Amino acid sequence: MTAIQPCVLLLLVGPDWQIETVSANVAMLGDHKPSAVVGQPLADLIGSKAIHNLRNRLAWLSNDESEVQDYGVRWADVVFDVRAAHQEDCYLVEAELAVEPRLPDGIGMVRSMTDRLQGDHPEALANLATRQLAALTGFDQIILCRVDGTPIATNKAPASFPPCKAVDIERLVADRDAETVPLGGNEDSNLLSRAAFAAPEPEACEKLSRLDIAATMSLPLRIDGELVGSLHAYHSTPRRVGAERRSVAHLFAERLVARMARQGWEY
């Protein structure tokens, strides 16, 4: 990966907490140039209080497959939603420009949405859930798919389904036509492949354009750690919902597939 979407500041931090990779939009934090930031301590860029809070959050990472998020984080004068993952002693940090304030009760939203699911037929539950997810996220179309990409349910019946390739990490395109932001520093780390906001390839943008899709959101769905499907969202104009709202949608969708499995759905 060599570029990121402009709504995100990407940082790759080494075991010594020095910056190994940074996106060229680092100037959003002040008068910084990527070439001057690479090799410098992360604390010099985001401040001692921010680095303390980030370290505490990163301590929650249990293994190389896990990730953590934090919402409404202020670095300099900018408010971000932060997502982080690690591999061995290196950390990938995506600081996404916040688009909405903190939700008053995210967990309560998940419980309320789950309580509204009525019935015991897995596919009927899935159809009800996709309509709730469309209302929650504001995306035109929501599709729940099996791990092989076969559609299970959607909030509206399309003439044909957009592509629903299974994903094993969160993948997001906020604006198909947005100018991409190059990376500076180490571009060879395998950890960069886990960036949720990696810039889409030109071929992918052309395919989305033909389908009249400007924004996408794809979330992996697991039961007891096993990948069983994906949630895909599509919108005809650029769209990005807040990271906390996405987390609510993700948690609700994973509770949905677990309930479907208990009621006989074979994944």
Protein backbone atom coordinates (compact mmCIF):
# COMPACT_ATOMS: atom_id res chain seq x y z
CA MET A 1 0.00 0.00 0.00
CA THR A 2 1.37 3.42 -0.96
CA ALA A 3 -1.55 5.81 -0.35
CA ILE A 4 -4.37 6.52 2.07
CA GLN A 5 -7.69 8.34 1.77
CA PRO A 6 -7.61 12.06 2.67
CA CYS A 7 -9.98 11.74 5.66
CA VAL A 8 -7.34 9.79 7.60
CA LEU A 9 -3.90 10.50 9.03
CA LEU A 10 -1.87 7.28 8.94
CA LEU A 11 1.07 6.56 11.23
CA LEU A 12 3.28 3.50 11.49
CA VAL A 13 5.20 3.51 14.75
CA GLY A 14 8.19 1.34 15.57
CA PRO A 15 9.05 -0.39 18.87
CA ASP A 16 10.96 2.70 20.00
CA TRP A 17 7.83 4.82 19.45
CA GLN A 18 9.46 6.64 16.59
CA ILE A 19 7.48 7.31 13.41
CA GLU A 20 8.44 4.97 10.55
CA THR A 21 5.66 5.89 8.11
CA VAL A 22 3.37 8.90 7.86
CA SER A 23 0.81 10.11 5.35
CA ALA A 24 1.50 13.34 3.51
CA ASN A 25 -1.48 15.08 5.16
CA VAL A 26 0.39 15.27 8.48
CA ALA A 27 0.23 19.06 8.12
CA MET A 28 -3.31 18.85 9.54
CA LEU A 29 -1.57 18.73 12.93
CA GLY A 30 0.47 21.85 12.28
CA ASP A 31 3.47 22.94 10.26
CA HIS A 32 4.87 19.47 9.63
CA LYS A 33 6.41 17.86 6.58
CA PRO A 34 6.45 14.08 6.18
CA SER A 35 10.19 14.01 5.51
CA ALA A 36 10.84 15.85 8.78
CA VAL A 37 8.43 13.71 10.82
CA VAL A 38 9.76 10.27 9.81
CA GLY A 39 12.27 9.08 12.37
CA GLN A 40 11.04 11.45 15.06
CA PRO A 41 9.32 10.43 18.35
CA LEU A 42 5.55 10.19 18.06
CA ALA A 43 5.24 12.31 21.20
CA ASP A 44 6.82 15.24 19.35
CA LEU A 45 3.96 15.12 16.85
CA ILE A 46 0.88 14.51 19.01
CA GLY A 47 2.02 15.65 22.46
CA SER A 48 2.78 13.93 25.76
CA LYS A 49 -0.84 13.72 26.97
CA ALA A 50 -2.00 12.22 23.68
CA ILE A 51 0.84 9.68 23.61
CA HIS A 52 0.00 8.62 27.19
CA ASN A 53 -3.65 8.04 26.28
CA LEU A 54 -2.70 6.20 23.08
CA ARG A 55 -0.28 3.90 24.92
CA ASN A 56 -2.99 3.04 27.43
CA ARG A 57 -5.39 2.18 24.61
CA LEU A 58 -2.77 0.13 22.73
CA ALA A 59 -2.19 -1.92 25.89
CA TRP A 60 -5.61 -3.48 25.18
CA LEU A 61 -4.27 -5.20 22.06
CA SER A 62 -4.16 -8.89 22.91
CA ASN A 63 -2.66 -10.34 19.72
CA ASP A 64 -1.63 -9.49 16.17
CA GLU A 65 -5.19 -9.98 14.89
CA SER A 66 -6.87 -7.64 17.37
CA GLU A 67 -7.47 -3.91 17.06
CA VAL A 68 -8.62 -1.12 19.35
CA GLN A 69 -10.50 2.10 18.77
CA ASP A 70 -10.89 5.38 20.60
CA TYR A 71 -13.40 8.10 19.78
CA GLY A 72 -13.31 11.87 20.04
CA VAL A 73 -9.55 12.05 20.59
CA ARG A 74 -8.01 15.52 20.36
CA TRP A 75 -4.55 15.90 18.83
CA ALA A 76 -3.46 19.51 18.57
CA ASP A 77 -6.70 21.28 17.58
CA VAL A 78 -8.10 18.35 15.58
CA VAL A 79 -10.61 15.76 16.81
CA PHE A 80 -10.04 12.22 15.56
CA ASP A 81 -11.51 8.75 15.89
CA VAL A 82 -8.48 6.50 16.27
CA ARG A 83 -8.10 2.88 15.17
CA ALA A 84 -4.93 0.91 15.93
CA ALA A 85 -3.48 -2.54 15.32
CA HIS A 86 -0.08 -4.06 15.91
CA GLN A 87 2.29 -6.69 14.61
CA GLU A 88 5.10 -7.79 16.88
CA ASP A 89 6.42 -4.46 18.27
CA CYS A 90 5.10 -2.11 15.56
CA TYR A 91 1.80 -0.22 15.59
CA LEU A 92 -0.46 0.98 12.80
CA VAL A 93 -2.53 4.00 13.76
CA GLU A 94 -5.30 5.46 11.59
CA ALA A 95 -6.56 8.79 12.94
CA GLU A 96 -9.83 9.50 11.14
CA LEU A 97 -11.25 13.01 11.15
CA ALA A 98 -14.32 12.84 13.40
CA VAL A 99 -17.63 13.51 11.60
CA GLU A 100 -19.97 13.44 14.60
CA PRO A 101 -19.80 13.79 18.40
CA ARG A 102 -19.77 10.82 20.73
CA LEU A 103 -22.97 8.80 20.82
CA PRO A 104 -24.89 9.10 24.10
CA ASP A 105 -25.19 5.31 24.59
CA GLY A 106 -23.69 3.08 21.90
CA ILE A 107 -24.18 -0.17 23.82
CA GLY A 108 -27.77 0.80 24.56
CA MET A 109 -28.32 1.32 20.83
CA VAL A 110 -27.12 -2.23 20.12
CA ARG A 111 -29.41 -3.66 22.78
CA SER A 112 -32.39 -1.70 21.49
CA MET A 113 -31.79 -2.76 17.88
CA THR A 114 -31.38 -6.40 18.95
CA ASP A 115 -34.61 -6.30 20.98
CA ARG A 116 -36.49 -5.19 17.85
CA LEU A 117 -35.55 -8.35 15.99
CA GLN A 118 -38.62 -10.57 16.15
CA GLY A 119 -39.10 -14.11 14.86
CA ASP A 120 -37.10 -17.31 14.62
CA HIS A 121 -36.35 -17.60 10.89
CA PRO A 122 -32.70 -16.66 10.23
CA GLU A 123 -33.22 -15.03 6.82
CA ALA A 124 -36.23 -13.04 8.07
CA LEU A 125 -34.14 -11.77 10.99
CA ALA A 126 -31.40 -10.77 8.56
CA ASN A 127 -33.81 -8.78 6.40
CA LEU A 128 -35.14 -6.94 9.45
CA ALA A 129 -31.60 -6.21 10.57
CA THR A 130 -30.47 -4.79 7.23
CA ARG A 131 -33.29 -2.25 7.37
CA GLN A 132 -32.20 -1.19 10.86
CA LEU A 133 -28.59 -0.93 9.69
CA ALA A 134 -29.61 1.26 6.76
CA ALA A 135 -31.41 3.60 9.16
CA LEU A 136 -28.45 3.62 11.56
CA THR A 137 -25.75 4.31 8.96
CA GLY A 138 -27.64 6.25 6.29
CA PHE A 139 -26.24 4.10 3.47
CA ASP A 140 -28.48 3.48 0.46
CA GLN A 141 -28.04 -0.25 0.45
CA ILE A 142 -27.02 -2.80 3.07
CA ILE A 143 -26.22 -6.39 2.09
CA LEU A 144 -25.45 -9.25 4.46
CA CYS A 145 -23.35 -11.95 2.78
CA ARG A 146 -21.97 -15.37 3.51
CA VAL A 147 -18.22 -15.83 3.69
CA ASP A 148 -18.22 -16.89 0.02
CA GLY A 149 -19.91 -13.63 -0.97
CA THR A 150 -23.38 -15.09 -1.52
CA PRO A 151 -26.03 -12.51 -0.46
CA ILE A 152 -28.27 -13.50 2.46
CA ALA A 153 -30.37 -10.37 2.95
CA THR A 154 -30.66 -6.74 1.90
CA ASN A 155 -32.70 -3.70 2.93
CA LYS A 156 -34.07 -3.35 -0.60
CA ALA A 157 -34.31 -5.66 -3.58
CA PRO A 158 -31.84 -4.57 -6.28
CA ALA A 159 -31.96 -5.51 -9.94
CA SER A 160 -28.51 -6.99 -9.37
CA PHE A 161 -26.29 -7.16 -6.31
CA PRO A 162 -23.06 -5.14 -6.20
CA PRO A 163 -19.95 -7.27 -5.61
CA CYS A 164 -19.84 -8.73 -2.08
CA LYS A 165 -16.34 -10.11 -1.71
CA ALA A 166 -15.64 -11.39 1.80
CA VAL A 167 -13.35 -9.22 3.96
CA ASP A 168 -11.35 -10.20 7.01
CA ILE A 169 -10.81 -6.62 8.25
CA GLU A 170 -12.84 -3.44 8.05
CA ARG A 171 -12.57 -1.83 4.59
CA LEU A 172 -13.91 1.65 3.83
CA VAL A 173 -14.14 3.97 0.85
CA ALA A 174 -15.46 7.39 1.87
CA ASP A 175 -15.27 8.99 -1.58
CA ARG A 176 -14.42 7.00 -4.68
CA ASP A 177 -13.13 10.09 -6.50
CA ALA A 178 -11.18 11.71 -3.65
CA GLU A 179 -7.55 12.52 -4.34
CA THR A 180 -5.36 9.98 -2.57
CA VAL A 181 -2.66 10.91 -0.06
CA PRO A 182 0.78 9.30 -0.51
CA LEU A 183 2.79 7.78 2.31
CA GLY A 184 6.31 8.74 3.32
CA GLY A 185 8.88 6.53 5.02
CA ASN A 186 8.67 2.74 5.24
CA GLU A 187 6.12 1.54 2.69
CA ASP A 188 7.06 -2.15 2.86
CA SER A 189 5.60 -3.11 6.25
CA ASN A 190 2.97 -5.87 6.09
CA LEU A 191 1.09 -3.97 8.77
CA LEU A 192 0.09 -1.31 6.21
CA SER A 193 -2.15 -3.88 4.49
CA ARG A 194 -4.45 -3.69 7.52
CA ALA A 195 -5.31 -0.04 6.95
CA ALA A 196 -9.10 0.27 6.73
CA PHE A 197 -8.88 3.46 4.67
CA ALA A 198 -6.27 2.29 2.14
CA ALA A 199 -6.77 4.23 -1.09
CA PRO A 200 -8.76 2.13 -3.59
CA GLU A 201 -6.99 1.01 -6.75
CA PRO A 202 -7.99 2.72 -10.05
CA GLU A 203 -9.58 -0.51 -11.30
CA ALA A 204 -11.77 -0.69 -8.19
CA CYS A 205 -12.78 2.96 -8.62
CA GLU A 206 -13.78 2.31 -12.24
CA LYS A 207 -15.91 -0.66 -11.18
CA LEU A 208 -17.64 1.41 -8.49
CA SER A 209 -18.25 4.20 -10.99
CA ARG A 210 -19.95 1.80 -13.40
CA LEU A 211 -22.21 0.68 -10.55
CA ASP A 212 -22.94 4.29 -9.52
CA ILE A 213 -21.38 3.67 -6.11
CA ALA A 214 -19.36 6.49 -4.52
CA ALA A 215 -18.87 5.15 -0.98
CA THR A 216 -18.62 1.68 0.55
CA MET A 217 -18.31 0.10 3.98
CA SER A 218 -17.39 -3.56 4.44
CA LEU A 219 -17.25 -5.22 7.86
CA PRO A 220 -16.17 -8.81 8.64
CA LEU A 221 -18.56 -10.88 10.75
CA ARG A 222 -17.27 -13.58 13.09
CA ILE A 223 -18.70 -16.15 15.48
CA ASP A 224 -16.24 -17.24 18.18
CA GLY A 225 -13.40 -15.87 16.06
CA GLU A 226 -14.42 -17.71 12.88
CA LEU A 227 -15.18 -15.58 9.83
CA VAL A 228 -18.76 -16.41 8.76
CA GLY A 229 -19.75 -13.52 6.52
CA SER A 230 -19.54 -9.82 5.76
CA LEU A 231 -21.71 -6.74 5.98
CA HIS A 232 -21.50 -4.48 2.93
CA ALA A 233 -22.92 -0.97 2.61
CA TYR A 234 -23.10 1.12 -0.57
CA HIS A 235 -23.98 4.75 -1.24
CA SER A 236 -24.41 6.72 -4.44
CA THR A 237 -22.68 9.83 -3.09
CA PRO A 238 -19.61 10.22 -0.84
CA ARG A 239 -20.41 9.10 2.69
CA ARG A 240 -18.59 8.32 5.91
CA VAL A 241 -20.29 7.67 9.22
CA GLY A 242 -18.52 8.13 12.53
CA ALA A 243 -16.29 5.34 13.79
CA GLU A 244 -18.39 4.83 16.91
CA ARG A 245 -21.55 4.47 14.82
CA ARG A 246 -19.73 1.93 12.62
CA SER A 247 -18.77 0.02 15.75
CA VAL A 248 -22.43 -0.06 16.84
CA ALA A 249 -23.38 -1.41 13.40
CA HIS A 250 -20.58 -3.98 13.54
CA LEU A 251 -21.46 -5.25 17.02
CA PHE A 252 -25.16 -5.46 16.13
CA ALA A 253 -24.39 -7.40 12.92
CA GLU A 254 -22.17 -9.87 14.79
CA ARG A 255 -24.88 -10.40 17.41
CA LEU A 256 -27.30 -10.97 14.53
CA VAL A 257 -25.28 -13.75 12.87
CA ALA A 258 -24.71 -15.44 16.24
CA ARG A 259 -28.47 -15.44 16.81
CA MET A 260 -29.08 -16.71 13.28
CA ALA A 261 -26.67 -19.59 13.93
CA ARG A 262 -28.48 -20.51 17.15
CA GLN A 263 -31.70 -20.70 15.12
CA GLY A 264 -30.31 -23.08 12.55
CA TRP A 265 -28.47 -20.88 10.03
CA GLU A 266 -25.60 -22.85 8.55
CA TYR A 267 -22.60 -20.76 7.69
